[in-house]
Amino acid sequence: MAGQNYPWLVGGDFNTIVDETEKLGDFPVTQSETHDFIQCVNSCALTELRYMGSTYIWWNGRIEEDCIFKRLDRVFDFKKLVEESWKIQDVIKENEVQFELAPTETNRVELSRVNAELKKLLRIEEDFWKEKAGLRWFKDGDRNTKFFHGYVKGRRRKLTIKEIKTMQGDIISNPQNISDEAVNVFRE
């Protein structure tokens, strides 16, 4: 996948806003309402894609003074972060070769600088997986993205339907049959 030009996106209803321009009605927006979301967006180096349409996407269904409008849906791109990480790894390889050929102070300093840049990008990736996994109790320090990725996949697996009982009382476990049965139940 490295070197491919695929977009990397995160999108959906985040159930929060960024500032007061994204809310109409109800109480004023406070920093505590927006802080965690903004921090997550920044730590994951996400760039919000341009949105065209109504400013407010969500409405609470009420009228007059009880009416509240908000912008909750958004789409972010973090392709730039991934590309930077790939590029910096290539630069590190080049600098390692250069340092092996000429172990000068200048080459050592440059190699240290690009390694520090890679560590920064990897830290951003780790923060992304911490947010995704919802682990606030995990101590900072170890770069353990594989752990976070595994945790997220494990949560996803727990939410998977492994078998169901049909209307006729049969137990089915084949994913395609489960899908078909679910569709059939809602057709009836």
C-alpha atoms as a PDB file:
ATOM      1  CA  MET A   1       0.000   0.000   0.000  1.00  0.00           C
ATOM      2  CA  ALA A   2       2.969   2.325   0.547  1.00  0.00           C
ATOM      3  CA  GLY A   3       3.330   4.771  -2.293  1.00  0.00           C
ATOM      4  CA  GLN A   4      -0.322   4.400  -3.332  1.00  0.00           C
ATOM      5  CA  ASN A   5      -2.377   7.536  -3.695  1.00  0.00           C
ATOM      6  CA  TYR A   6      -5.508   6.358  -1.885  1.00  0.00           C
ATOM      7  CA  PRO A   7      -7.425   8.900   0.232  1.00  0.00           C
ATOM      8  CA  TRP A   8      -7.644   8.141   3.947  1.00  0.00           C
ATOM      9  CA  LEU A   9     -10.884   9.462   5.457  1.00  0.00           C
ATOM     10  CA  VAL A  10     -12.655   9.631   8.801  1.00  0.00           C
ATOM     11  CA  GLY A  11     -16.249  10.771   8.656  1.00  0.00           C
ATOM     12  CA  GLY A  12     -19.628  10.695  10.323  1.00  0.00           C
ATOM     13  CA  ASP A  13     -21.785  12.266  13.007  1.00  0.00           C
ATOM     14  CA  PHE A  14     -19.283  13.227  15.703  1.00  0.00           C
ATOM     15  CA  ASN A  15     -22.068  14.535  17.968  1.00  0.00           C
ATOM     16  CA  THR A  16     -20.045  17.625  18.827  1.00  0.00           C
ATOM     17  CA  ILE A  17     -19.216  21.016  17.395  1.00  0.00           C
ATOM     18  CA  VAL A  18     -15.988  22.964  17.010  1.00  0.00           C
ATOM     19  CA  ASP A  19     -17.162  26.484  17.908  1.00  0.00           C
ATOM     20  CA  GLU A  20     -20.222  28.721  18.362  1.00  0.00           C
ATOM     21  CA  THR A  21     -20.655  29.254  14.601  1.00  0.00           C
ATOM     22  CA  GLU A  22     -21.797  25.620  14.332  1.00  0.00           C
ATOM     23  CA  LYS A  23     -24.698  26.010  16.771  1.00  0.00           C
ATOM     24  CA  LEU A  24     -27.864  28.084  16.783  1.00  0.00           C
ATOM     25  CA  GLY A  25     -30.100  28.228  19.864  1.00  0.00           C
ATOM     26  CA  ASP A  26     -29.869  26.895  23.434  1.00  0.00           C
ATOM     27  CA  PHE A  27     -27.032  27.858  25.790  1.00  0.00           C
ATOM     28  CA  PRO A  28     -23.759  29.402  24.597  1.00  0.00           C
ATOM     29  CA  VAL A  29     -20.967  27.026  23.559  1.00  0.00           C
ATOM     30  CA  THR A  30     -18.260  26.454  26.189  1.00  0.00           C
ATOM     31  CA  GLN A  31     -14.641  25.434  25.714  1.00  0.00           C
ATOM     32  CA  SER A  32     -15.242  22.257  27.713  1.00  0.00           C
ATOM     33  CA  GLU A  33     -17.804  21.154  25.085  1.00  0.00           C
ATOM     34  CA  THR A  34     -15.354  21.488  22.203  1.00  0.00           C
ATOM     35  CA  HIS A  35     -11.920  20.862  23.756  1.00  0.00           C
ATOM     36  CA  ASP A  36     -11.714  17.029  23.523  1.00  0.00           C
ATOM     37  CA  PHE A  37     -12.904  16.922  19.924  1.00  0.00           C
ATOM     38  CA  ILE A  38     -10.552  19.689  18.789  1.00  0.00           C
ATOM     39  CA  GLN A  39      -7.652  18.021  20.624  1.00  0.00           C
ATOM     40  CA  CYS A  40      -8.421  14.695  18.915  1.00  0.00           C
ATOM     41  CA  VAL A  41      -8.590  16.323  15.470  1.00  0.00           C
ATOM     42  CA  ASN A  42      -5.281  18.099  16.065  1.00  0.00           C
ATOM     43  CA  SER A  43      -3.448  15.122  17.566  1.00  0.00           C
ATOM     44  CA  CYS A  44      -4.516  12.946  14.628  1.00  0.00           C
ATOM     45  CA  ALA A  45      -3.444  15.663  12.158  1.00  0.00           C
ATOM     46  CA  LEU A  46      -6.841  15.566  10.463  1.00  0.00           C
ATOM     47  CA  THR A  47      -7.833  18.089   7.817  1.00  0.00           C
ATOM     48  CA  GLU A  48     -11.543  18.746   7.439  1.00  0.00           C
ATOM     49  CA  LEU A  49     -12.772  18.439   3.879  1.00  0.00           C
ATOM     50  CA  ARG A  50     -14.692  21.392   2.459  1.00  0.00           C
ATOM     51  CA  TYR A  51     -18.415  21.206   3.056  1.00  0.00           C
ATOM     52  CA  MET A  52     -21.074  22.769   0.842  1.00  0.00           C
ATOM     53  CA  GLY A  53     -24.655  23.132   1.937  1.00  0.00           C
ATOM     54  CA  SER A  54     -26.613  24.316   4.942  1.00  0.00           C
ATOM     55  CA  THR A  55     -24.546  25.459   7.900  1.00  0.00           C
ATOM     56  CA  TYR A  56     -26.623  23.346  10.264  1.00  0.00           C
ATOM     57  CA  ILE A  57     -27.239  19.670   9.551  1.00  0.00           C
ATOM     58  CA  TRP A  58     -28.968  18.596  12.779  1.00  0.00           C
ATOM     59  CA  TRP A  59     -32.184  19.954  14.310  1.00  0.00           C
ATOM     60  CA  ASN A  60     -33.688  18.887  17.654  1.00  0.00           C
ATOM     61  CA  GLY A  61     -37.216  18.873  16.182  1.00  0.00           C
ATOM     62  CA  ARG A  62     -38.525  21.638  18.433  1.00  0.00           C
ATOM     63  CA  ILE A  63     -39.775  25.099  17.533  1.00  0.00           C
ATOM     64  CA  GLU A  64     -39.344  28.711  18.654  1.00  0.00           C
ATOM     65  CA  GLU A  65     -37.110  29.232  21.725  1.00  0.00           C
ATOM     66  CA  ASP A  66     -36.587  25.476  22.229  1.00  0.00           C
ATOM     67  CA  CYS A  67     -35.253  25.080  18.683  1.00  0.00           C
ATOM     68  CA  ILE A  68     -31.568  24.056  18.351  1.00  0.00           C
ATOM     69  CA  PHE A  69     -29.562  23.652  15.144  1.00  0.00           C
ATOM     70  CA  LYS A  70     -26.034  22.199  14.990  1.00  0.00           C
ATOM     71  CA  ARG A  71     -23.449  21.021  12.512  1.00  0.00           C
ATOM     72  CA  LEU A  72     -22.451  17.538  13.702  1.00  0.00           C
ATOM     73  CA  ASP A  73     -21.526  15.675  10.500  1.00  0.00           C
ATOM     74  CA  ARG A  74     -18.083  16.119   8.983  1.00  0.00           C
ATOM     75  CA  VAL A  75     -15.413  14.317   6.994  1.00  0.00           C
ATOM     76  CA  PHE A  76     -11.680  14.486   7.686  1.00  0.00           C
ATOM     77  CA  ASP A  77      -8.700  13.493   5.568  1.00  0.00           C
ATOM     78  CA  PHE A  78      -5.443  12.323   7.107  1.00  0.00           C
ATOM     79  CA  LYS A  79      -3.715  11.344   3.892  1.00  0.00           C
ATOM     80  CA  LYS A  80      -1.191  14.150   4.450  1.00  0.00           C
ATOM     81  CA  LEU A  81       0.000  12.539   7.711  1.00  0.00           C
ATOM     82  CA  VAL A  82       0.381   9.129   6.075  1.00  0.00           C
ATOM     83  CA  GLU A  83       2.261  10.590   3.106  1.00  0.00           C
ATOM     84  CA  GLU A  84       4.568  12.527   5.434  1.00  0.00           C
ATOM     85  CA  SER A  85       5.316   9.356   7.375  1.00  0.00           C
ATOM     86  CA  TRP A  86       6.150   7.438   4.186  1.00  0.00           C
ATOM     87  CA  LYS A  87       8.342  10.274   2.890  1.00  0.00           C
ATOM     88  CA  ILE A  88      10.246  10.678   6.157  1.00  0.00           C
ATOM     89  CA  GLN A  89      10.987   6.936   6.252  1.00  0.00           C
ATOM     90  CA  ASP A  90      12.508   7.208   2.759  1.00  0.00           C
ATOM     91  CA  VAL A  91      14.541  10.234   3.864  1.00  0.00           C
ATOM     92  CA  ILE A  92      15.806   8.304   6.906  1.00  0.00           C
ATOM     93  CA  LYS A  93      17.002   5.445   4.683  1.00  0.00           C
ATOM     94  CA  GLU A  94      18.844   7.932   2.486  1.00  0.00           C
ATOM     95  CA  ASN A  95      20.411   9.642   5.518  1.00  0.00           C
ATOM     96  CA  GLU A  96      21.464   6.309   7.018  1.00  0.00           C
ATOM     97  CA  VAL A  97      23.300   5.437   3.789  1.00  0.00           C
ATOM     98  CA  GLN A  98      24.873   8.904   3.702  1.00  0.00           C
ATOM     99  CA  PHE A  99      26.013   8.582   7.320  1.00  0.00           C
ATOM    100  CA  GLU A 100      27.508   5.126   6.676  1.00  0.00           C
ATOM    101  CA  LEU A 101      29.424   6.506   3.693  1.00  0.00           C
ATOM    102  CA  ALA A 102      30.549   9.653   5.510  1.00  0.00           C
ATOM    103  CA  PRO A 103      30.096   9.515   9.321  1.00  0.00           C
ATOM    104  CA  THR A 104      30.456  13.275   9.808  1.00  0.00           C
ATOM    105  CA  GLU A 105      28.875  15.410  12.527  1.00  0.00           C
ATOM    106  CA  THR A 106      26.660  17.105   9.924  1.00  0.00           C
ATOM    107  CA  ASN A 107      25.334  13.751   8.653  1.00  0.00           C
ATOM    108  CA  ARG A 108      24.767  12.539  12.242  1.00  0.00           C
ATOM    109  CA  VAL A 109      22.801  15.692  13.114  1.00  0.00           C
ATOM    110  CA  GLU A 110      20.664  15.378   9.965  1.00  0.00           C
ATOM    111  CA  LEU A 111      19.956  11.695  10.662  1.00  0.00           C
ATOM    112  CA  SER A 112      18.951  12.562  14.243  1.00  0.00           C
ATOM    113  CA  ARG A 113      16.667  15.344  12.997  1.00  0.00           C
ATOM    114  CA  VAL A 114      14.735  13.119  10.567  1.00  0.00           C
ATOM    115  CA  ASN A 115      14.497  10.338  13.169  1.00  0.00           C
ATOM    116  CA  ALA A 116      12.968  12.866  15.581  1.00  0.00           C
ATOM    117  CA  GLU A 117      10.483  13.899  12.888  1.00  0.00           C
ATOM    118  CA  LEU A 118       9.472  10.259  12.357  1.00  0.00           C
ATOM    119  CA  LYS A 119       9.005   9.789  16.121  1.00  0.00           C
ATOM    120  CA  LYS A 120       6.692  12.817  16.125  1.00  0.00           C
ATOM    121  CA  LEU A 121       4.593  11.359  13.295  1.00  0.00           C
ATOM    122  CA  LEU A 122       4.466   7.964  14.994  1.00  0.00           C
ATOM    123  CA  ARG A 123       3.305   9.663  18.199  1.00  0.00           C
ATOM    124  CA  ILE A 124       0.453  11.265  16.272  1.00  0.00           C
ATOM    125  CA  GLU A 125      -0.474   7.812  14.937  1.00  0.00           C
ATOM    126  CA  GLU A 126      -0.374   6.385  18.459  1.00  0.00           C
ATOM    127  CA  ASP A 127      -2.657   9.181  19.685  1.00  0.00           C
ATOM    128  CA  PHE A 128      -5.074   8.347  16.863  1.00  0.00           C
ATOM    129  CA  TRP A 129      -5.260   4.692  17.977  1.00  0.00           C
ATOM    130  CA  LYS A 130      -5.665   5.703  21.624  1.00  0.00           C
ATOM    131  CA  GLU A 131      -8.661   7.834  20.677  1.00  0.00           C
ATOM    132  CA  LYS A 132     -10.073   5.103  18.445  1.00  0.00           C
ATOM    133  CA  ALA A 133      -9.672   2.464  21.149  1.00  0.00           C
ATOM    134  CA  GLY A 134     -11.065   4.739  23.858  1.00  0.00           C
ATOM    135  CA  LEU A 135      -8.193   3.918  26.209  1.00  0.00           C
ATOM    136  CA  ARG A 136      -7.722   6.797  28.603  1.00  0.00           C
ATOM    137  CA  TRP A 137      -6.148   4.578  31.266  1.00  0.00           C
ATOM    138  CA  PHE A 138      -3.167   3.445  29.202  1.00  0.00           C
ATOM    139  CA  LYS A 139       0.081   5.075  30.366  1.00  0.00           C
ATOM    140  CA  ASP A 140       2.005   7.238  27.904  1.00  0.00           C
ATOM    141  CA  GLY A 141       5.451   6.093  26.897  1.00  0.00           C
ATOM    142  CA  ASP A 142       5.380   2.866  24.928  1.00  0.00           C
ATOM    143  CA  ARG A 143       4.754   3.114  21.225  1.00  0.00           C
ATOM    144  CA  ASN A 144       2.294   0.270  20.914  1.00  0.00           C
ATOM    145  CA  THR A 145       0.104   0.954  17.884  1.00  0.00           C
ATOM    146  CA  LYS A 146      -0.230  -2.798  17.225  1.00  0.00           C
ATOM    147  CA  PHE A 147      -1.882  -3.130  20.640  1.00  0.00           C
ATOM    148  CA  PHE A 148      -4.353  -0.307  19.973  1.00  0.00           C
ATOM    149  CA  HIS A 149      -5.147  -1.628  16.497  1.00  0.00           C
ATOM    150  CA  GLY A 150      -5.758  -5.092  17.970  1.00  0.00           C
ATOM    151  CA  TYR A 151      -7.974  -3.627  20.660  1.00  0.00           C
ATOM    152  CA  VAL A 152     -10.122  -1.765  18.128  1.00  0.00           C
ATOM    153  CA  LYS A 153     -10.414  -4.900  15.972  1.00  0.00           C
ATOM    154  CA  GLY A 154     -11.367  -6.888  19.080  1.00  0.00           C
ATOM    155  CA  ARG A 155     -14.155  -4.440  19.897  1.00  0.00           C
ATOM    156  CA  ARG A 156     -15.362  -4.732  16.325  1.00  0.00           C
ATOM    157  CA  ARG A 157     -15.334  -8.537  16.576  1.00  0.00           C
ATOM    158  CA  LYS A 158     -17.431  -8.400  19.759  1.00  0.00           C
ATOM    159  CA  LEU A 159     -20.078  -6.475  17.835  1.00  0.00           C
ATOM    160  CA  THR A 160     -20.214  -9.107  15.094  1.00  0.00           C
ATOM    161  CA  ILE A 161     -23.285 -11.352  14.959  1.00  0.00           C
ATOM    162  CA  LYS A 162     -21.953 -14.899  14.922  1.00  0.00           C
ATOM    163  CA  GLU A 163     -25.273 -16.755  14.763  1.00  0.00           C
ATOM    164  CA  ILE A 164     -29.000 -16.122  14.869  1.00  0.00           C
ATOM    165  CA  LYS A 165     -32.188 -18.077  15.280  1.00  0.00           C
ATOM    166  CA  THR A 166     -34.536 -17.903  12.290  1.00  0.00           C
ATOM    167  CA  MET A 167     -38.298 -17.424  12.489  1.00  0.00           C
ATOM    168  CA  GLN A 168     -38.571 -21.187  11.937  1.00  0.00           C
ATOM    169  CA  GLY A 169     -36.300 -21.892  14.944  1.00  0.00           C
ATOM    170  CA  ASP A 170     -33.184 -22.906  12.989  1.00  0.00           C
ATOM    171  CA  ILE A 171     -29.750 -21.644  14.073  1.00  0.00           C
ATOM    172  CA  ILE A 172     -27.662 -20.204  11.230  1.00  0.00           C
ATOM    173  CA  SER A 173     -24.019 -19.094  11.456  1.00  0.00           C
ATOM    174  CA  ASN A 174     -22.946 -18.424   7.869  1.00  0.00           C
ATOM    175  CA  PRO A 175     -22.476 -14.624   7.531  1.00  0.00           C
ATOM    176  CA  GLN A 176     -24.274 -14.481   4.176  1.00  0.00           C
ATOM    177  CA  ASN A 177     -27.217 -16.507   5.536  1.00  0.00           C
ATOM    178  CA  ILE A 178     -27.388 -14.238   8.601  1.00  0.00           C
ATOM    179  CA  SER A 179     -27.472 -11.204   6.322  1.00  0.00           C
ATOM    180  CA  ASP A 180     -30.195 -12.732   4.134  1.00  0.00           C
ATOM    181  CA  GLU A 181     -32.277 -13.680   7.167  1.00  0.00           C
ATOM    182  CA  ALA A 182     -32.021 -10.163   8.597  1.00  0.00           C
ATOM    183  CA  VAL A 183     -33.273  -8.717   5.303  1.00  0.00           C
ATOM    184  CA  ASN A 184     -36.109 -11.255   5.199  1.00  0.00           C
ATOM    185  CA  VAL A 185     -37.259 -10.393   8.746  1.00  0.00           C
ATOM    186  CA  PHE A 186     -37.583  -6.719   7.834  1.00  0.00           C
ATOM    187  CA  ARG A 187     -39.414  -7.513   4.588  1.00  0.00           C
ATOM    188  CA  GLU A 188     -42.173  -9.323   6.454  1.00  0.00           C
END
